[in-house]
Amino acid sequence: MINVTKVKDLEFSDLYLGHPSLEDRFSDVPGAEANPLPAGPPLRADLDRLIKVCRDTLDAAPLVAEFKVWYEAVTYRVSVMRTLGGTVFVLRKIAGVIHSLPELGIPQAYIRHLMAKDLSGLLVISGQPKSGKTMTACGLVKDRLAAYGGVAVTGEDPIELPLEGSYGQGICFQTATSRDKGGFADAFRHLARWGARIILIDEIRDQDMAAEVLQASVNGNLIITTMLADNIVQSVSKLHALANDRLASGGMQSLLADGLVGVLHQQIVRGPKYKLETDFLYLKDAPVAKNLLRNARFEMLESEVKQQKAQMISGNAAARRFAEG
């Protein structure tokens, strides 16, 4: 059971709230004895107030499937699940702050490459749901703008994190896009016309989007996106499979080799405390990896990732020793 009295004070992935007969439950509570964990009596009054906020919002726009609410100084993304027994609100906290890559737990050995000044091409951040992909993508945009200036634009559905603003000499503009009315591929074409050095686009889910970002990846921008995948090999294979339906096979594999600059895969290991685990395939100045992409030998990328990891760790240690004199 949960002994806190405020939802805002509890760490969790999702809250299943408001079913007429089933109790409210929290998923992925660190150290909990059950998953999903029943809410318990101490939270009842706070949950009832939160349910009312969600119901009032839905009553004002009864056809929506998703919306945001602000409650007790926390923003929640709310998905509406219409079940056999009644409406359930699925709530997830939206972070109020964009954390830097070091704060997120991205290894310094990887950050040195992710922060390379002349980085361009397509960078995919992959992982399972609730693995922090969007936060990492936003953290990278924030860190690069603060370090090098420039303009970034985003196309998101929905906008999850408060990234819009100034960072050092750089600035980011966030835009809400839709998978309807032309979809993300059409929205991406608009983003690419706005002169931004960095483009952050929502998760690649379909063939049109995969083809669009691959074709744009060789135009000199840094394009950052996310993808659902279990590992780096699956990430590349999925991107290839999606784009293959829209692009000629040989040309598409050349685009993969020339335009894809990296794949960062991450997962959160849950326990008493969350731990971020990452793998990274870096394709800038990596002729062996590029050749594997050009020949669609994706299964061999796993050994390349391991070799690169050892080299990055060694190189980072050497750079640290040099900096320390």
Protein backbone atom coordinates (compact mmCIF):
# COMPACT_ATOMS: atom_id res chain seq x y z
CA MET A 1 0.00 0.00 0.00
CA ILE A 2 1.01 3.62 -0.49
CA ASN A 3 1.32 5.87 2.55
CA VAL A 4 1.84 9.25 0.86
CA THR A 5 -1.18 11.55 0.70
CA LYS A 6 -0.39 13.47 -2.52
CA VAL A 7 -0.07 12.01 -6.00
CA LYS A 8 2.58 14.62 -6.83
CA ASP A 9 4.89 13.12 -4.18
CA LEU A 10 4.82 9.61 -5.66
CA GLU A 11 7.15 8.31 -8.37
CA PHE A 12 5.38 6.15 -10.96
CA SER A 13 4.98 5.57 -14.69
CA ASP A 14 1.20 5.56 -15.10
CA LEU A 15 -1.83 6.08 -12.89
CA TYR A 16 -5.03 4.22 -13.85
CA LEU A 17 -7.71 6.43 -12.37
CA GLY A 18 -11.48 6.57 -12.09
CA HIS A 19 -12.87 3.13 -12.99
CA PRO A 20 -16.34 2.80 -11.40
CA SER A 21 -15.61 -0.55 -9.70
CA LEU A 22 -11.88 -1.27 -9.94
CA GLU A 23 -9.47 0.43 -7.57
CA ASP A 24 -7.03 3.06 -8.77
CA ARG A 25 -3.52 1.73 -9.39
CA PHE A 26 -0.01 3.03 -10.03
CA SER A 27 2.43 1.22 -12.33
CA ASP A 28 6.20 0.94 -11.91
CA VAL A 29 6.47 2.43 -8.42
CA PRO A 30 10.13 1.99 -7.34
CA GLY A 31 10.47 -0.63 -4.60
CA ALA A 32 6.76 -1.49 -4.58
CA GLU A 33 5.64 -4.99 -3.57
CA ALA A 34 3.16 -5.19 -6.46
CA ASN A 35 2.86 -3.84 -10.00
CA PRO A 36 0.48 -2.16 -10.56
CA LEU A 37 0.23 -1.01 -6.98
CA PRO A 38 -3.18 -0.25 -5.38
CA ALA A 39 -3.48 3.37 -4.33
CA GLY A 40 -4.53 2.84 -0.72
CA PRO A 41 -6.65 4.99 1.63
CA PRO A 42 -4.15 7.81 2.36
CA LEU A 43 -4.38 8.99 -1.27
CA ARG A 44 -8.16 8.79 -1.59
CA ALA A 45 -9.00 12.45 -1.07
CA ASP A 46 -6.30 13.63 -3.46
CA LEU A 47 -7.30 11.07 -6.09
CA ASP A 48 -10.94 12.15 -5.90
CA ARG A 49 -9.94 15.75 -6.57
CA LEU A 50 -7.77 14.66 -9.48
CA ILE A 51 -10.60 12.57 -10.94
CA LYS A 52 -12.86 15.62 -10.86
CA VAL A 53 -10.27 17.70 -12.73
CA CYS A 54 -10.03 15.00 -15.41
CA ARG A 55 -13.81 14.59 -15.72
CA ASP A 56 -14.40 18.32 -15.94
CA THR A 57 -11.80 18.56 -18.71
CA LEU A 58 -13.36 15.65 -20.61
CA ASP A 59 -16.88 17.07 -20.20
CA ALA A 60 -15.69 20.25 -21.91
CA ALA A 61 -14.41 18.25 -24.92
CA PRO A 62 -16.06 14.80 -24.81
CA LEU A 63 -14.59 13.47 -28.06
CA VAL A 64 -10.91 13.92 -27.25
CA ALA A 65 -8.73 10.88 -26.63
CA GLU A 66 -5.92 12.72 -24.88
CA PHE A 67 -5.43 15.99 -23.01
CA LYS A 68 -3.32 17.66 -20.34
CA VAL A 69 -4.30 18.74 -16.85
CA TRP A 70 -2.52 20.89 -14.29
CA TYR A 71 -3.00 19.74 -10.71
CA GLU A 72 -1.07 20.55 -7.54
CA ALA A 73 1.76 22.22 -9.53
CA VAL A 74 2.24 19.14 -11.75
CA THR A 75 1.24 18.69 -15.40
CA TYR A 76 -0.19 15.31 -16.39
CA ARG A 77 -0.76 13.86 -19.83
CA VAL A 78 -4.13 12.10 -19.69
CA SER A 79 -5.24 9.37 -22.09
CA VAL A 80 -8.92 8.42 -22.07
CA MET A 81 -9.53 4.65 -21.92
CA ARG A 82 -13.18 3.77 -22.48
CA THR A 83 -13.55 0.30 -20.98
CA LEU A 84 -16.46 -2.11 -20.64
CA GLY A 85 -17.08 -0.91 -17.09
CA GLY A 86 -16.61 2.81 -17.67
CA THR A 87 -14.10 5.54 -18.41
CA VAL A 88 -10.57 5.25 -17.04
CA PHE A 89 -8.05 8.08 -17.11
CA VAL A 90 -4.45 6.99 -17.67
CA LEU A 91 -2.19 9.70 -16.27
CA ARG A 92 1.52 10.22 -16.73
CA LYS A 93 3.51 13.05 -15.17
CA ILE A 94 5.12 15.50 -17.56
CA ALA A 95 8.47 16.73 -16.36
CA GLY A 96 8.61 20.44 -15.65
CA VAL A 97 12.34 20.69 -16.37
CA ILE A 98 14.51 19.50 -19.27
CA HIS A 99 17.56 17.78 -17.80
CA SER A 100 21.01 17.82 -19.39
CA LEU A 101 22.53 14.64 -20.81
CA PRO A 102 24.86 14.14 -17.80
CA GLU A 103 21.93 14.62 -15.42
CA LEU A 104 19.97 11.98 -17.33
CA GLY A 105 22.77 9.46 -16.92
CA ILE A 106 24.04 9.37 -20.51
CA PRO A 107 27.69 8.20 -20.33
CA GLN A 108 30.31 10.88 -20.87
CA ALA A 109 31.97 8.64 -23.45
CA TYR A 110 28.82 8.97 -25.59
CA ILE A 111 28.22 12.64 -24.82
CA ARG A 112 31.57 13.59 -26.40
CA HIS A 113 30.23 12.33 -29.75
CA LEU A 114 26.63 13.48 -29.32
CA MET A 115 27.94 16.98 -28.68
CA ALA A 116 30.34 17.10 -31.65
CA LYS A 117 29.98 20.61 -33.08
CA ASP A 118 29.62 19.57 -36.71
CA LEU A 119 27.20 16.70 -36.07
CA SER A 120 24.59 16.34 -38.83
CA GLY A 121 22.34 13.65 -40.21
CA LEU A 122 19.67 11.49 -38.62
CA LEU A 123 20.04 10.57 -34.95
CA VAL A 124 17.59 7.97 -33.64
CA ILE A 125 16.93 7.57 -29.92
CA SER A 126 15.27 4.20 -29.43
CA GLY A 127 13.90 2.10 -26.61
CA GLN A 128 10.73 0.66 -25.16
CA PRO A 129 7.78 2.76 -23.96
CA LYS A 130 8.51 4.74 -20.79
CA SER A 131 12.28 4.51 -21.30
CA GLY A 132 12.86 8.28 -21.39
CA LYS A 133 13.46 8.65 -25.14
CA THR A 134 11.75 12.03 -25.44
CA MET A 135 13.53 13.44 -22.40
CA THR A 136 16.91 12.41 -23.84
CA ALA A 137 16.03 13.93 -27.22
CA CYS A 138 15.00 17.21 -25.58
CA GLY A 139 18.06 17.18 -23.34
CA LEU A 140 20.30 16.84 -26.39
CA VAL A 141 18.59 19.74 -28.16
CA LYS A 142 18.91 21.91 -25.05
CA ASP A 143 22.60 21.06 -24.52
CA ARG A 144 23.54 21.67 -28.16
CA LEU A 145 21.73 25.01 -28.31
CA ALA A 146 23.42 26.12 -25.09
CA ALA A 147 26.83 25.09 -26.40
CA TYR A 148 26.66 26.25 -30.02
CA GLY A 149 23.63 28.52 -30.44
CA GLY A 150 21.42 28.28 -33.51
CA VAL A 151 17.76 27.52 -34.08
CA ALA A 152 15.85 24.32 -33.33
CA VAL A 153 12.26 23.47 -34.22
CA THR A 154 10.13 20.55 -33.12
CA GLY A 155 7.10 18.72 -34.48
CA GLU A 156 5.37 16.77 -31.70
CA ASP A 157 2.06 15.02 -31.06
CA PRO A 158 1.48 15.94 -28.33
CA ILE A 159 4.06 18.39 -26.96
CA GLU A 160 5.22 16.64 -23.79
CA LEU A 161 8.10 18.65 -22.34
CA PRO A 162 8.69 22.42 -21.98
CA LEU A 163 11.55 22.80 -24.46
CA GLU A 164 10.57 26.07 -26.16
CA GLY A 165 12.81 28.93 -25.10
CA SER A 166 16.33 30.37 -25.20
CA TYR A 167 19.46 28.43 -24.27
CA GLY A 168 22.64 30.47 -24.37
CA GLN A 169 22.70 32.03 -27.84
CA GLY A 170 20.31 29.39 -29.18
CA ILE A 171 16.54 29.22 -29.36
CA CYS A 172 13.96 26.45 -29.75
CA PHE A 173 10.43 26.70 -31.13
CA GLN A 174 8.01 23.87 -30.34
CA THR A 175 5.10 23.09 -32.67
CA ALA A 176 2.20 20.68 -32.27
CA THR A 177 1.62 18.48 -35.28
CA SER A 178 -0.96 15.83 -36.11
CA ARG A 179 -0.87 12.43 -37.70
CA ASP A 180 -4.09 13.43 -39.47
CA LYS A 181 -4.44 15.96 -42.28
CA GLY A 182 -1.34 14.89 -44.21
CA GLY A 183 0.41 13.28 -41.28
CA PHE A 184 3.87 13.70 -39.89
CA ALA A 185 5.57 13.41 -43.26
CA ASP A 186 3.77 16.53 -44.45
CA ALA A 187 4.47 18.29 -41.14
CA PHE A 188 8.15 17.43 -41.44
CA ARG A 189 8.37 19.07 -44.84
CA HIS A 190 7.12 22.30 -43.24
CA LEU A 191 9.66 22.02 -40.41
CA ALA A 192 12.48 21.62 -42.90
CA ARG A 193 11.56 24.95 -44.58
CA TRP A 194 12.02 27.02 -41.43
CA GLY A 195 15.80 27.29 -41.57
CA ALA A 196 16.52 25.48 -38.30
CA ARG A 197 19.83 23.74 -37.79
CA ILE A 198 18.23 21.16 -35.47
CA ILE A 199 14.90 19.45 -36.15
CA LEU A 200 13.27 17.29 -33.48
CA ILE A 201 10.43 15.21 -34.87
CA ASP A 202 8.11 12.82 -33.08
CA GLU A 203 8.49 9.05 -33.15
CA ILE A 204 8.94 7.32 -36.52
CA ARG A 205 5.96 4.97 -36.86
CA ASP A 206 5.13 4.69 -40.56
CA GLN A 207 6.65 4.28 -44.01
CA ASP A 208 6.09 7.85 -45.19
CA MET A 209 7.80 9.34 -42.14
CA ALA A 210 10.77 6.96 -42.34
CA ALA A 211 11.31 7.77 -46.01
CA GLU A 212 10.94 11.52 -45.45
CA VAL A 213 13.51 11.78 -42.65
CA LEU A 214 16.00 9.54 -44.47
CA GLN A 215 15.82 11.67 -47.60
CA ALA A 216 16.33 14.83 -45.52
CA SER A 217 19.16 13.34 -43.47
CA VAL A 218 21.79 14.23 -46.09
CA ASN A 219 20.82 17.92 -46.31
CA GLY A 220 23.08 19.19 -43.52
CA ASN A 221 20.60 19.42 -40.64
CA LEU A 222 20.73 17.43 -37.42
CA ILE A 223 17.44 15.53 -37.33
CA ILE A 224 16.59 13.92 -34.00
CA THR A 225 13.76 11.42 -33.66
CA THR A 226 12.63 8.52 -31.49
CA MET A 227 11.63 4.95 -32.23
CA LEU A 228 10.25 1.94 -30.39
CA ALA A 229 12.81 -0.88 -30.54
CA ASP A 230 14.48 -3.45 -28.28
CA ASN A 231 18.07 -2.78 -29.35
CA ILE A 232 20.23 -1.01 -31.91
CA VAL A 233 20.08 -3.76 -34.52
CA GLN A 234 16.29 -3.80 -34.35
CA SER A 235 16.21 0.01 -34.58
CA VAL A 236 18.19 0.02 -37.83
CA SER A 237 16.28 -2.96 -39.24
CA LYS A 238 12.95 -1.31 -38.46
CA LEU A 239 13.98 1.98 -40.07
CA HIS A 240 15.14 0.05 -43.14
CA ALA A 241 11.92 -1.99 -43.34
CA LEU A 242 9.69 1.08 -43.06
CA ALA A 243 11.57 3.14 -45.63
CA ASN A 244 11.95 0.19 -47.98
CA ASP A 245 8.25 0.42 -48.88
CA ARG A 246 8.70 3.97 -50.16
CA LEU A 247 12.27 4.12 -51.53
CA ALA A 248 14.18 2.03 -54.05
CA SER A 249 16.20 -0.57 -52.15
CA GLY A 250 19.69 0.36 -53.34
CA GLY A 251 19.19 4.08 -52.96
CA MET A 252 17.57 3.64 -49.57
CA GLN A 253 20.53 1.64 -48.21
CA SER A 254 22.87 4.36 -49.45
CA LEU A 255 20.75 6.92 -47.61
CA LEU A 256 21.04 4.82 -44.45
CA ALA A 257 24.81 4.70 -44.78
CA ASP A 258 25.23 8.37 -45.68
CA GLY A 259 22.47 9.97 -43.62
CA LEU A 260 22.20 8.02 -40.38
CA VAL A 261 24.68 9.52 -37.91
CA GLY A 262 23.83 7.49 -34.84
CA VAL A 263 21.46 5.31 -32.87
CA LEU A 264 21.27 5.68 -29.09
CA HIS A 265 19.30 2.89 -27.47
CA GLN A 266 18.27 3.18 -23.85
CA GLN A 267 16.33 1.26 -21.25
CA ILE A 268 15.40 1.95 -17.66
CA VAL A 269 16.18 -0.86 -15.23
CA ARG A 270 13.61 -0.61 -12.48
CA GLY A 271 14.34 -1.43 -8.84
CA PRO A 272 14.64 0.53 -5.60
CA LYS A 273 16.05 3.25 -7.87
CA TYR A 274 15.79 3.66 -11.62
CA LYS A 275 18.98 3.05 -13.60
CA LEU A 276 19.50 4.09 -17.22
CA GLU A 277 21.39 1.65 -19.47
CA THR A 278 22.48 2.76 -22.94
CA ASP A 279 24.13 1.50 -26.11
CA PHE A 280 25.34 3.74 -28.91
CA LEU A 281 26.15 3.20 -32.58
CA TYR A 282 28.06 6.18 -33.96
CA LEU A 283 28.37 6.44 -37.73
CA LYS A 284 30.42 9.59 -38.21
CA ASP A 285 33.88 8.55 -39.44
CA ALA A 286 32.89 4.88 -39.07
CA PRO A 287 33.55 3.25 -42.47
CA VAL A 288 33.05 -0.32 -41.25
CA ALA A 289 29.60 0.41 -39.82
CA LYS A 290 28.62 2.44 -42.89
CA ASN A 291 29.60 -0.44 -45.15
CA LEU A 292 27.40 -2.80 -43.12
CA LEU A 293 24.47 -0.45 -43.62
CA ARG A 294 25.17 -0.06 -47.32
CA ASN A 295 25.06 -3.84 -47.71
CA ALA A 296 22.14 -4.40 -45.30
CA ARG A 297 24.29 -6.54 -42.98
CA PHE A 298 22.47 -5.26 -39.93
CA GLU A 299 23.01 -8.39 -37.83
CA MET A 300 26.74 -7.61 -37.78
CA LEU A 301 26.21 -4.21 -36.17
CA GLU A 302 26.08 -5.77 -32.70
CA SER A 303 29.81 -6.53 -32.71
CA GLU A 304 30.51 -3.05 -34.12
CA VAL A 305 28.56 -1.48 -31.23
CA LYS A 306 30.63 -3.44 -28.70
CA GLN A 307 33.89 -2.47 -30.38
CA GLN A 308 32.89 1.20 -30.56
CA LYS A 309 31.87 1.16 -26.90
CA ALA A 310 35.31 -0.06 -25.83
CA GLN A 311 36.99 2.56 -28.01
CA MET A 312 34.76 5.37 -26.70
CA ILE A 313 35.40 4.45 -23.07
CA SER A 314 39.15 4.26 -23.71
CA GLY A 315 39.14 7.55 -25.62
CA ASN A 316 37.14 9.29 -22.93
CA ALA A 317 39.55 8.12 -20.22
CA ALA A 318 42.51 9.38 -22.26
CA ALA A 319 40.82 12.75 -22.81
CA ARG A 320 40.13 13.05 -19.09
CA ARG A 321 43.76 12.30 -18.21
CA PHE A 322 44.93 14.89 -20.75
CA ALA A 323 42.57 17.52 -19.34
CA GLU A 324 43.80 16.83 -15.82
CA GLY A 325 47.40 17.30 -16.96
